[in-house]
Amino acid sequence: MHLFTRTWAALHAAVADLSDDDFAKPSGCQGWLVRDLLCHLIVNAQDVLITLVTPADTEPTRDAITYWTVTGELPTGEAPEDAVTVRLAAAYQDPALLRGHLDDVGSAAGRAAELADPHLRVSTQDMVLTVDDFLMVYVLEWTLHHLDLIAHLPGAQPPPAEGLARTREMLEKITGATFPASFSDTDALLVATGRRAPTEAETAELGDLAARLPFVLG
């Protein structure tokens, strides 16, 4: 709960620091501007709200690690659901409307998470998880998207160090890969997920692991 709250609060604060001009800048998500990413975050927050009020009677079928699937295909931003996000984001026109919607829905999601029983079982996408595991899924999701948000915004505040470390830990468990200790948590996450290419020196350090990259989570 604590880490989820810190992760979301940091992302929320980074959004609040955006200027109107920043909304039209590219994000770290291929094919998406910052405004498109913010629209996706609204959908994320809605998912948190919906899932937390969708209790399940059966035993958990997944946890924060087994929730994810891994592919090697980087998104292009041209998939139908991605295109819908782009069109919806453009419809806001005024950045204040998009920022306000995210603030309303995101704040509600944050409050709902704080009030939820971490041991409660909830259902999402035909999976059953405990609330604690479900919220850890979003620690990973929102940490990566925080990096996407600030990808082209020099000087912007990064995700919390604790969230970066936990996300790296989860990613390594999900993929069964261990990144060199010389990689910072941020660099490990960016390189692992294909958000940037490794340098020649990094490729040499990665060894055989370099051929397995990127790890695209879905």
C-alpha atoms as a PDB file:
ATOM      1  CA  MET A   1       0.000   0.000   0.000  1.00  0.00           C
ATOM      2  CA  HIS A   2       2.757   2.417   0.990  1.00  0.00           C
ATOM      3  CA  LEU A   3       4.734   1.875  -2.194  1.00  0.00           C
ATOM      4  CA  PHE A   4       1.639   2.133  -4.391  1.00  0.00           C
ATOM      5  CA  THR A   5       0.731   5.430  -2.736  1.00  0.00           C
ATOM      6  CA  ARG A   6       4.248   6.832  -3.092  1.00  0.00           C
ATOM      7  CA  THR A   7       4.494   5.730  -6.720  1.00  0.00           C
ATOM      8  CA  TRP A   8       1.177   7.290  -7.665  1.00  0.00           C
ATOM      9  CA  ALA A   9       1.817  10.481  -5.674  1.00  0.00           C
ATOM     10  CA  ALA A  10       5.144  10.992  -7.464  1.00  0.00           C
ATOM     11  CA  LEU A  11       3.584  10.426 -10.886  1.00  0.00           C
ATOM     12  CA  HIS A  12       0.691  12.716 -10.001  1.00  0.00           C
ATOM     13  CA  ALA A  13       3.137  15.434  -8.917  1.00  0.00           C
ATOM     14  CA  ALA A  14       5.106  15.067 -12.159  1.00  0.00           C
ATOM     15  CA  VAL A  15       1.898  15.583 -14.144  1.00  0.00           C
ATOM     16  CA  ALA A  16       1.043  18.648 -12.068  1.00  0.00           C
ATOM     17  CA  ASP A  17       4.432  20.160 -12.987  1.00  0.00           C
ATOM     18  CA  LEU A  18       3.773  19.913 -16.731  1.00  0.00           C
ATOM     19  CA  SER A  19       3.360  23.094 -18.720  1.00  0.00           C
ATOM     20  CA  ASP A  20       0.684  23.275 -21.393  1.00  0.00           C
ATOM     21  CA  ASP A  21       3.418  23.047 -24.037  1.00  0.00           C
ATOM     22  CA  ASP A  22       4.675  19.783 -22.513  1.00  0.00           C
ATOM     23  CA  PHE A  23       1.424  18.023 -23.478  1.00  0.00           C
ATOM     24  CA  ALA A  24       2.426  18.133 -27.159  1.00  0.00           C
ATOM     25  CA  LYS A  25       5.935  16.732 -26.574  1.00  0.00           C
ATOM     26  CA  PRO A  26       6.776  13.096 -27.299  1.00  0.00           C
ATOM     27  CA  SER A  27       6.621  10.593 -24.476  1.00  0.00           C
ATOM     28  CA  GLY A  28       8.687   7.466 -23.985  1.00  0.00           C
ATOM     29  CA  CYS A  29       5.846   5.390 -25.466  1.00  0.00           C
ATOM     30  CA  GLN A  30       6.333   4.870 -29.193  1.00  0.00           C
ATOM     31  CA  GLY A  31       3.768   6.870 -31.162  1.00  0.00           C
ATOM     32  CA  TRP A  32       2.340   8.680 -28.125  1.00  0.00           C
ATOM     33  CA  LEU A  33       2.647  12.291 -27.089  1.00  0.00           C
ATOM     34  CA  VAL A  34       2.585  13.217 -23.416  1.00  0.00           C
ATOM     35  CA  ARG A  35      -1.127  13.981 -23.702  1.00  0.00           C
ATOM     36  CA  ASP A  36      -1.762  10.471 -25.072  1.00  0.00           C
ATOM     37  CA  LEU A  37       0.116   8.934 -22.161  1.00  0.00           C
ATOM     38  CA  LEU A  38      -1.951  10.979 -19.703  1.00  0.00           C
ATOM     39  CA  CYS A  39      -5.123   9.712 -21.337  1.00  0.00           C
ATOM     40  CA  HIS A  40      -3.817   6.167 -20.847  1.00  0.00           C
ATOM     41  CA  LEU A  41      -3.177   6.956 -17.174  1.00  0.00           C
ATOM     42  CA  ILE A  42      -6.846   7.912 -16.824  1.00  0.00           C
ATOM     43  CA  VAL A  43      -7.755   4.462 -18.132  1.00  0.00           C
ATOM     44  CA  ASN A  44      -5.284   2.962 -15.644  1.00  0.00           C
ATOM     45  CA  ALA A  45      -6.903   4.845 -12.766  1.00  0.00           C
ATOM     46  CA  GLN A  46     -10.340   3.707 -13.899  1.00  0.00           C
ATOM     47  CA  ASP A  47      -9.062   0.114 -13.923  1.00  0.00           C
ATOM     48  CA  VAL A  48      -7.879   0.498 -10.326  1.00  0.00           C
ATOM     49  CA  LEU A  49     -11.287   1.814  -9.269  1.00  0.00           C
ATOM     50  CA  ILE A  50     -13.217  -0.888 -11.114  1.00  0.00           C
ATOM     51  CA  THR A  51     -11.043  -3.755  -9.935  1.00  0.00           C
ATOM     52  CA  LEU A  52     -11.045  -2.712  -6.288  1.00  0.00           C
ATOM     53  CA  VAL A  53     -14.853  -2.949  -6.258  1.00  0.00           C
ATOM     54  CA  THR A  54     -14.935  -6.282  -8.111  1.00  0.00           C
ATOM     55  CA  PRO A  55     -14.454  -8.879  -5.362  1.00  0.00           C
ATOM     56  CA  ALA A  56     -13.804 -12.530  -6.201  1.00  0.00           C
ATOM     57  CA  ASP A  57     -14.859 -15.637  -4.267  1.00  0.00           C
ATOM     58  CA  THR A  58     -12.201 -17.981  -5.641  1.00  0.00           C
ATOM     59  CA  GLU A  59      -8.550 -18.404  -4.723  1.00  0.00           C
ATOM     60  CA  PRO A  60      -6.014 -16.143  -6.482  1.00  0.00           C
ATOM     61  CA  THR A  61      -4.940 -17.367  -9.897  1.00  0.00           C
ATOM     62  CA  ARG A  62      -2.145 -14.821 -10.402  1.00  0.00           C
ATOM     63  CA  ASP A  63       0.128 -12.576  -8.384  1.00  0.00           C
ATOM     64  CA  ALA A  64       2.107  -9.412  -9.153  1.00  0.00           C
ATOM     65  CA  ILE A  65       4.665 -11.456 -11.090  1.00  0.00           C
ATOM     66  CA  THR A  66       2.530 -14.005 -12.955  1.00  0.00           C
ATOM     67  CA  TYR A  67       0.021 -11.295 -13.943  1.00  0.00           C
ATOM     68  CA  TRP A  68       2.320 -10.270 -16.792  1.00  0.00           C
ATOM     69  CA  THR A  69       2.999 -11.820 -20.173  1.00  0.00           C
ATOM     70  CA  VAL A  70       6.255 -11.113 -21.988  1.00  0.00           C
ATOM     71  CA  THR A  71       6.817 -10.620 -25.720  1.00  0.00           C
ATOM     72  CA  GLY A  72       9.662  -9.204 -27.749  1.00  0.00           C
ATOM     73  CA  GLU A  73       7.536  -6.970 -29.980  1.00  0.00           C
ATOM     74  CA  LEU A  74       7.760  -3.285 -29.202  1.00  0.00           C
ATOM     75  CA  PRO A  75       4.486  -1.341 -29.574  1.00  0.00           C
ATOM     76  CA  THR A  76       4.276   1.047 -32.510  1.00  0.00           C
ATOM     77  CA  GLY A  77       1.361   3.136 -31.294  1.00  0.00           C
ATOM     78  CA  GLU A  78      -0.695   1.945 -34.265  1.00  0.00           C
ATOM     79  CA  ALA A  79      -2.690  -0.830 -32.572  1.00  0.00           C
ATOM     80  CA  PRO A  80      -6.450  -0.141 -32.507  1.00  0.00           C
ATOM     81  CA  GLU A  81      -6.551   0.461 -28.746  1.00  0.00           C
ATOM     82  CA  ASP A  82      -3.553   2.803 -29.024  1.00  0.00           C
ATOM     83  CA  ALA A  83      -5.224   4.735 -31.828  1.00  0.00           C
ATOM     84  CA  VAL A  84      -8.348   5.177 -29.696  1.00  0.00           C
ATOM     85  CA  THR A  85      -6.200   6.644 -26.922  1.00  0.00           C
ATOM     86  CA  VAL A  86      -4.654   9.148 -29.347  1.00  0.00           C
ATOM     87  CA  ARG A  87      -8.050  10.254 -30.659  1.00  0.00           C
ATOM     88  CA  LEU A  88      -9.508  10.550 -27.179  1.00  0.00           C
ATOM     89  CA  ALA A  89      -6.551  12.589 -25.937  1.00  0.00           C
ATOM     90  CA  ALA A  90      -6.846  14.968 -28.902  1.00  0.00           C
ATOM     91  CA  ALA A  91     -10.527  15.505 -28.130  1.00  0.00           C
ATOM     92  CA  TYR A  92      -9.667  17.198 -24.833  1.00  0.00           C
ATOM     93  CA  GLN A  93      -8.022  20.097 -26.741  1.00  0.00           C
ATOM     94  CA  ASP A  94      -7.464  22.162 -23.575  1.00  0.00           C
ATOM     95  CA  PRO A  95      -4.689  20.587 -21.454  1.00  0.00           C
ATOM     96  CA  ALA A  96      -6.480  21.777 -18.328  1.00  0.00           C
ATOM     97  CA  LEU A  97      -9.401  19.455 -19.103  1.00  0.00           C
ATOM     98  CA  LEU A  98      -7.133  16.432 -19.446  1.00  0.00           C
ATOM     99  CA  ARG A  99      -5.155  17.355 -16.346  1.00  0.00           C
ATOM    100  CA  GLY A 100      -8.386  17.884 -14.382  1.00  0.00           C
ATOM    101  CA  HIS A 101      -9.882  14.538 -15.435  1.00  0.00           C
ATOM    102  CA  LEU A 102      -6.726  12.680 -14.470  1.00  0.00           C
ATOM    103  CA  ASP A 103      -6.608  14.520 -11.154  1.00  0.00           C
ATOM    104  CA  ASP A 104     -10.219  13.575 -10.337  1.00  0.00           C
ATOM    105  CA  VAL A 105     -10.041   9.921 -11.346  1.00  0.00           C
ATOM    106  CA  GLY A 106      -6.483   9.424 -10.141  1.00  0.00           C
ATOM    107  CA  SER A 107      -7.171  10.931  -6.728  1.00  0.00           C
ATOM    108  CA  ALA A 108     -10.201   8.670  -6.352  1.00  0.00           C
ATOM    109  CA  ALA A 109      -8.114   5.634  -7.295  1.00  0.00           C
ATOM    110  CA  GLY A 110      -5.509   6.598  -4.731  1.00  0.00           C
ATOM    111  CA  ARG A 111      -8.107   6.947  -1.975  1.00  0.00           C
ATOM    112  CA  ALA A 112      -9.746   3.647  -2.927  1.00  0.00           C
ATOM    113  CA  ALA A 113      -6.395   1.880  -2.692  1.00  0.00           C
ATOM    114  CA  GLU A 114      -5.736   3.305   0.774  1.00  0.00           C
ATOM    115  CA  LEU A 115      -9.136   2.092   1.984  1.00  0.00           C
ATOM    116  CA  ALA A 116      -8.935  -1.390   0.458  1.00  0.00           C
ATOM    117  CA  ASP A 117      -8.208  -4.536   2.449  1.00  0.00           C
ATOM    118  CA  PRO A 118      -4.849  -5.780   1.062  1.00  0.00           C
ATOM    119  CA  HIS A 119      -5.927  -9.388   1.583  1.00  0.00           C
ATOM    120  CA  LEU A 120      -9.212  -9.025  -0.329  1.00  0.00           C
ATOM    121  CA  ARG A 121      -9.371 -10.996  -3.569  1.00  0.00           C
ATOM    122  CA  VAL A 122     -10.398  -9.083  -6.669  1.00  0.00           C
ATOM    123  CA  SER A 123     -11.043  -9.982 -10.290  1.00  0.00           C
ATOM    124  CA  THR A 124      -9.647  -8.340 -13.426  1.00  0.00           C
ATOM    125  CA  GLN A 125      -9.219  -9.601 -16.995  1.00  0.00           C
ATOM    126  CA  ASP A 126     -10.368 -13.110 -15.993  1.00  0.00           C
ATOM    127  CA  MET A 127      -7.700 -13.245 -13.279  1.00  0.00           C
ATOM    128  CA  VAL A 128      -8.026 -13.257  -9.505  1.00  0.00           C
ATOM    129  CA  LEU A 129      -5.439 -11.473  -7.383  1.00  0.00           C
ATOM    130  CA  THR A 130      -5.207 -10.155  -3.858  1.00  0.00           C
ATOM    131  CA  VAL A 131      -5.523  -6.391  -3.600  1.00  0.00           C
ATOM    132  CA  ASP A 132      -1.902  -6.236  -2.466  1.00  0.00           C
ATOM    133  CA  ASP A 133      -0.682  -8.032  -5.591  1.00  0.00           C
ATOM    134  CA  PHE A 134      -2.958  -6.004  -7.843  1.00  0.00           C
ATOM    135  CA  LEU A 135      -1.583  -2.750  -6.484  1.00  0.00           C
ATOM    136  CA  MET A 136       1.973  -4.019  -6.942  1.00  0.00           C
ATOM    137  CA  VAL A 137       1.107  -4.566 -10.611  1.00  0.00           C
ATOM    138  CA  TYR A 138       0.471  -0.838 -10.763  1.00  0.00           C
ATOM    139  CA  VAL A 139       3.690   0.015  -8.965  1.00  0.00           C
ATOM    140  CA  LEU A 140       5.436  -1.513 -11.977  1.00  0.00           C
ATOM    141  CA  GLU A 141       3.025  -0.009 -14.516  1.00  0.00           C
ATOM    142  CA  TRP A 142       3.189   3.510 -13.133  1.00  0.00           C
ATOM    143  CA  THR A 143       6.931   3.469 -12.512  1.00  0.00           C
ATOM    144  CA  LEU A 144       7.538   2.625 -16.166  1.00  0.00           C
ATOM    145  CA  HIS A 145       5.033   5.236 -17.301  1.00  0.00           C
ATOM    146  CA  HIS A 146       6.636   7.832 -15.040  1.00  0.00           C
ATOM    147  CA  LEU A 147       9.844   7.186 -16.962  1.00  0.00           C
ATOM    148  CA  ASP A 148       7.843   7.520 -20.196  1.00  0.00           C
ATOM    149  CA  LEU A 149       6.374  10.825 -19.024  1.00  0.00           C
ATOM    150  CA  ILE A 150       9.737  12.456 -18.352  1.00  0.00           C
ATOM    151  CA  ALA A 151      11.625  10.862 -21.257  1.00  0.00           C
ATOM    152  CA  HIS A 152      11.871  14.187 -23.118  1.00  0.00           C
ATOM    153  CA  LEU A 153      11.475  16.551 -20.176  1.00  0.00           C
ATOM    154  CA  PRO A 154      14.949  17.362 -18.831  1.00  0.00           C
ATOM    155  CA  GLY A 155      14.916  18.304 -15.172  1.00  0.00           C
ATOM    156  CA  ALA A 156      11.620  16.564 -14.388  1.00  0.00           C
ATOM    157  CA  GLN A 157      11.442  14.615 -11.139  1.00  0.00           C
ATOM    158  CA  PRO A 158      12.059  10.860 -11.542  1.00  0.00           C
ATOM    159  CA  PRO A 159      10.058   8.052  -9.914  1.00  0.00           C
ATOM    160  CA  PRO A 160      10.841   7.275  -6.257  1.00  0.00           C
ATOM    161  CA  ALA A 161      14.036   5.262  -5.772  1.00  0.00           C
ATOM    162  CA  GLU A 162      12.112   2.615  -3.824  1.00  0.00           C
ATOM    163  CA  GLY A 163       9.653   2.186  -6.679  1.00  0.00           C
ATOM    164  CA  LEU A 164      12.438   1.911  -9.252  1.00  0.00           C
ATOM    165  CA  ALA A 165      14.205  -0.746  -7.185  1.00  0.00           C
ATOM    166  CA  ARG A 166      11.045  -2.782  -6.647  1.00  0.00           C
ATOM    167  CA  THR A 167      10.071  -2.517 -10.314  1.00  0.00           C
ATOM    168  CA  ARG A 168      13.508  -3.765 -11.350  1.00  0.00           C
ATOM    169  CA  GLU A 169      13.179  -6.634  -8.875  1.00  0.00           C
ATOM    170  CA  MET A 170       9.769  -7.575 -10.265  1.00  0.00           C
ATOM    171  CA  LEU A 171      10.908  -7.266 -13.880  1.00  0.00           C
ATOM    172  CA  GLU A 172      13.839  -9.581 -13.238  1.00  0.00           C
ATOM    173  CA  LYS A 173      11.505 -12.144 -11.660  1.00  0.00           C
ATOM    174  CA  ILE A 174       8.985 -11.826 -14.500  1.00  0.00           C
ATOM    175  CA  THR A 175      11.617 -12.328 -17.188  1.00  0.00           C
ATOM    176  CA  GLY A 176      14.007 -14.629 -15.345  1.00  0.00           C
ATOM    177  CA  ALA A 177      16.830 -12.240 -16.259  1.00  0.00           C
ATOM    178  CA  THR A 178      19.321 -10.557 -13.958  1.00  0.00           C
ATOM    179  CA  PHE A 179      20.819  -7.281 -15.107  1.00  0.00           C
ATOM    180  CA  PRO A 180      24.393  -6.337 -14.205  1.00  0.00           C
ATOM    181  CA  ALA A 181      24.788  -4.606 -10.857  1.00  0.00           C
ATOM    182  CA  SER A 182      26.580  -1.777 -12.675  1.00  0.00           C
ATOM    183  CA  PHE A 183      23.262  -0.813 -14.324  1.00  0.00           C
ATOM    184  CA  SER A 184      21.268   1.728 -12.344  1.00  0.00           C
ATOM    185  CA  ASP A 185      17.655   0.749 -11.728  1.00  0.00           C
ATOM    186  CA  THR A 186      16.514   3.335 -14.265  1.00  0.00           C
ATOM    187  CA  ASP A 187      18.956   2.163 -16.941  1.00  0.00           C
ATOM    188  CA  ALA A 188      18.090  -1.481 -16.325  1.00  0.00           C
ATOM    189  CA  LEU A 189      14.375  -0.743 -16.777  1.00  0.00           C
ATOM    190  CA  LEU A 190      14.834   1.415 -19.870  1.00  0.00           C
ATOM    191  CA  VAL A 191      17.132  -1.058 -21.607  1.00  0.00           C
ATOM    192  CA  ALA A 192      15.204  -4.151 -20.528  1.00  0.00           C
ATOM    193  CA  THR A 193      11.898  -2.875 -21.900  1.00  0.00           C
ATOM    194  CA  GLY A 194      13.311  -1.443 -25.112  1.00  0.00           C
ATOM    195  CA  ARG A 195      12.738   2.147 -24.106  1.00  0.00           C
ATOM    196  CA  ARG A 196      16.304   2.834 -25.146  1.00  0.00           C
ATOM    197  CA  ALA A 197      18.993   0.781 -26.855  1.00  0.00           C
ATOM    198  CA  PRO A 198      21.985  -0.314 -24.806  1.00  0.00           C
ATOM    199  CA  THR A 199      25.320   1.340 -25.479  1.00  0.00           C
ATOM    200  CA  GLU A 200      28.191  -0.742 -26.820  1.00  0.00           C
ATOM    201  CA  ALA A 201      29.646  -0.968 -23.322  1.00  0.00           C
ATOM    202  CA  GLU A 202      26.287  -2.015 -21.871  1.00  0.00           C
ATOM    203  CA  THR A 203      25.820  -4.630 -24.596  1.00  0.00           C
ATOM    204  CA  ALA A 204      29.175  -6.119 -23.704  1.00  0.00           C
ATOM    205  CA  GLU A 205      28.184  -6.244 -20.029  1.00  0.00           C
ATOM    206  CA  LEU A 206      24.846  -7.842 -20.840  1.00  0.00           C
ATOM    207  CA  GLY A 207      26.518 -10.702 -22.695  1.00  0.00           C
ATOM    208  CA  ASP A 208      24.036 -13.353 -23.876  1.00  0.00           C
ATOM    209  CA  LEU A 209      21.179 -11.427 -22.253  1.00  0.00           C
ATOM    210  CA  ALA A 210      21.465  -8.718 -24.919  1.00  0.00           C
ATOM    211  CA  ALA A 211      20.101 -11.127 -27.549  1.00  0.00           C
ATOM    212  CA  ARG A 212      16.915 -11.647 -25.517  1.00  0.00           C
ATOM    213  CA  LEU A 213      15.993  -7.973 -25.378  1.00  0.00           C
ATOM    214  CA  PRO A 214      13.607  -6.242 -25.334  1.00  0.00           C
ATOM    215  CA  PHE A 215      11.180  -7.594 -22.781  1.00  0.00           C
ATOM    216  CA  VAL A 216       7.774  -6.109 -23.580  1.00  0.00           C
ATOM    217  CA  LEU A 217       5.235  -6.576 -20.812  1.00  0.00           C
ATOM    218  CA  GLY A 218       1.549  -6.971 -21.474  1.00  0.00           C
END
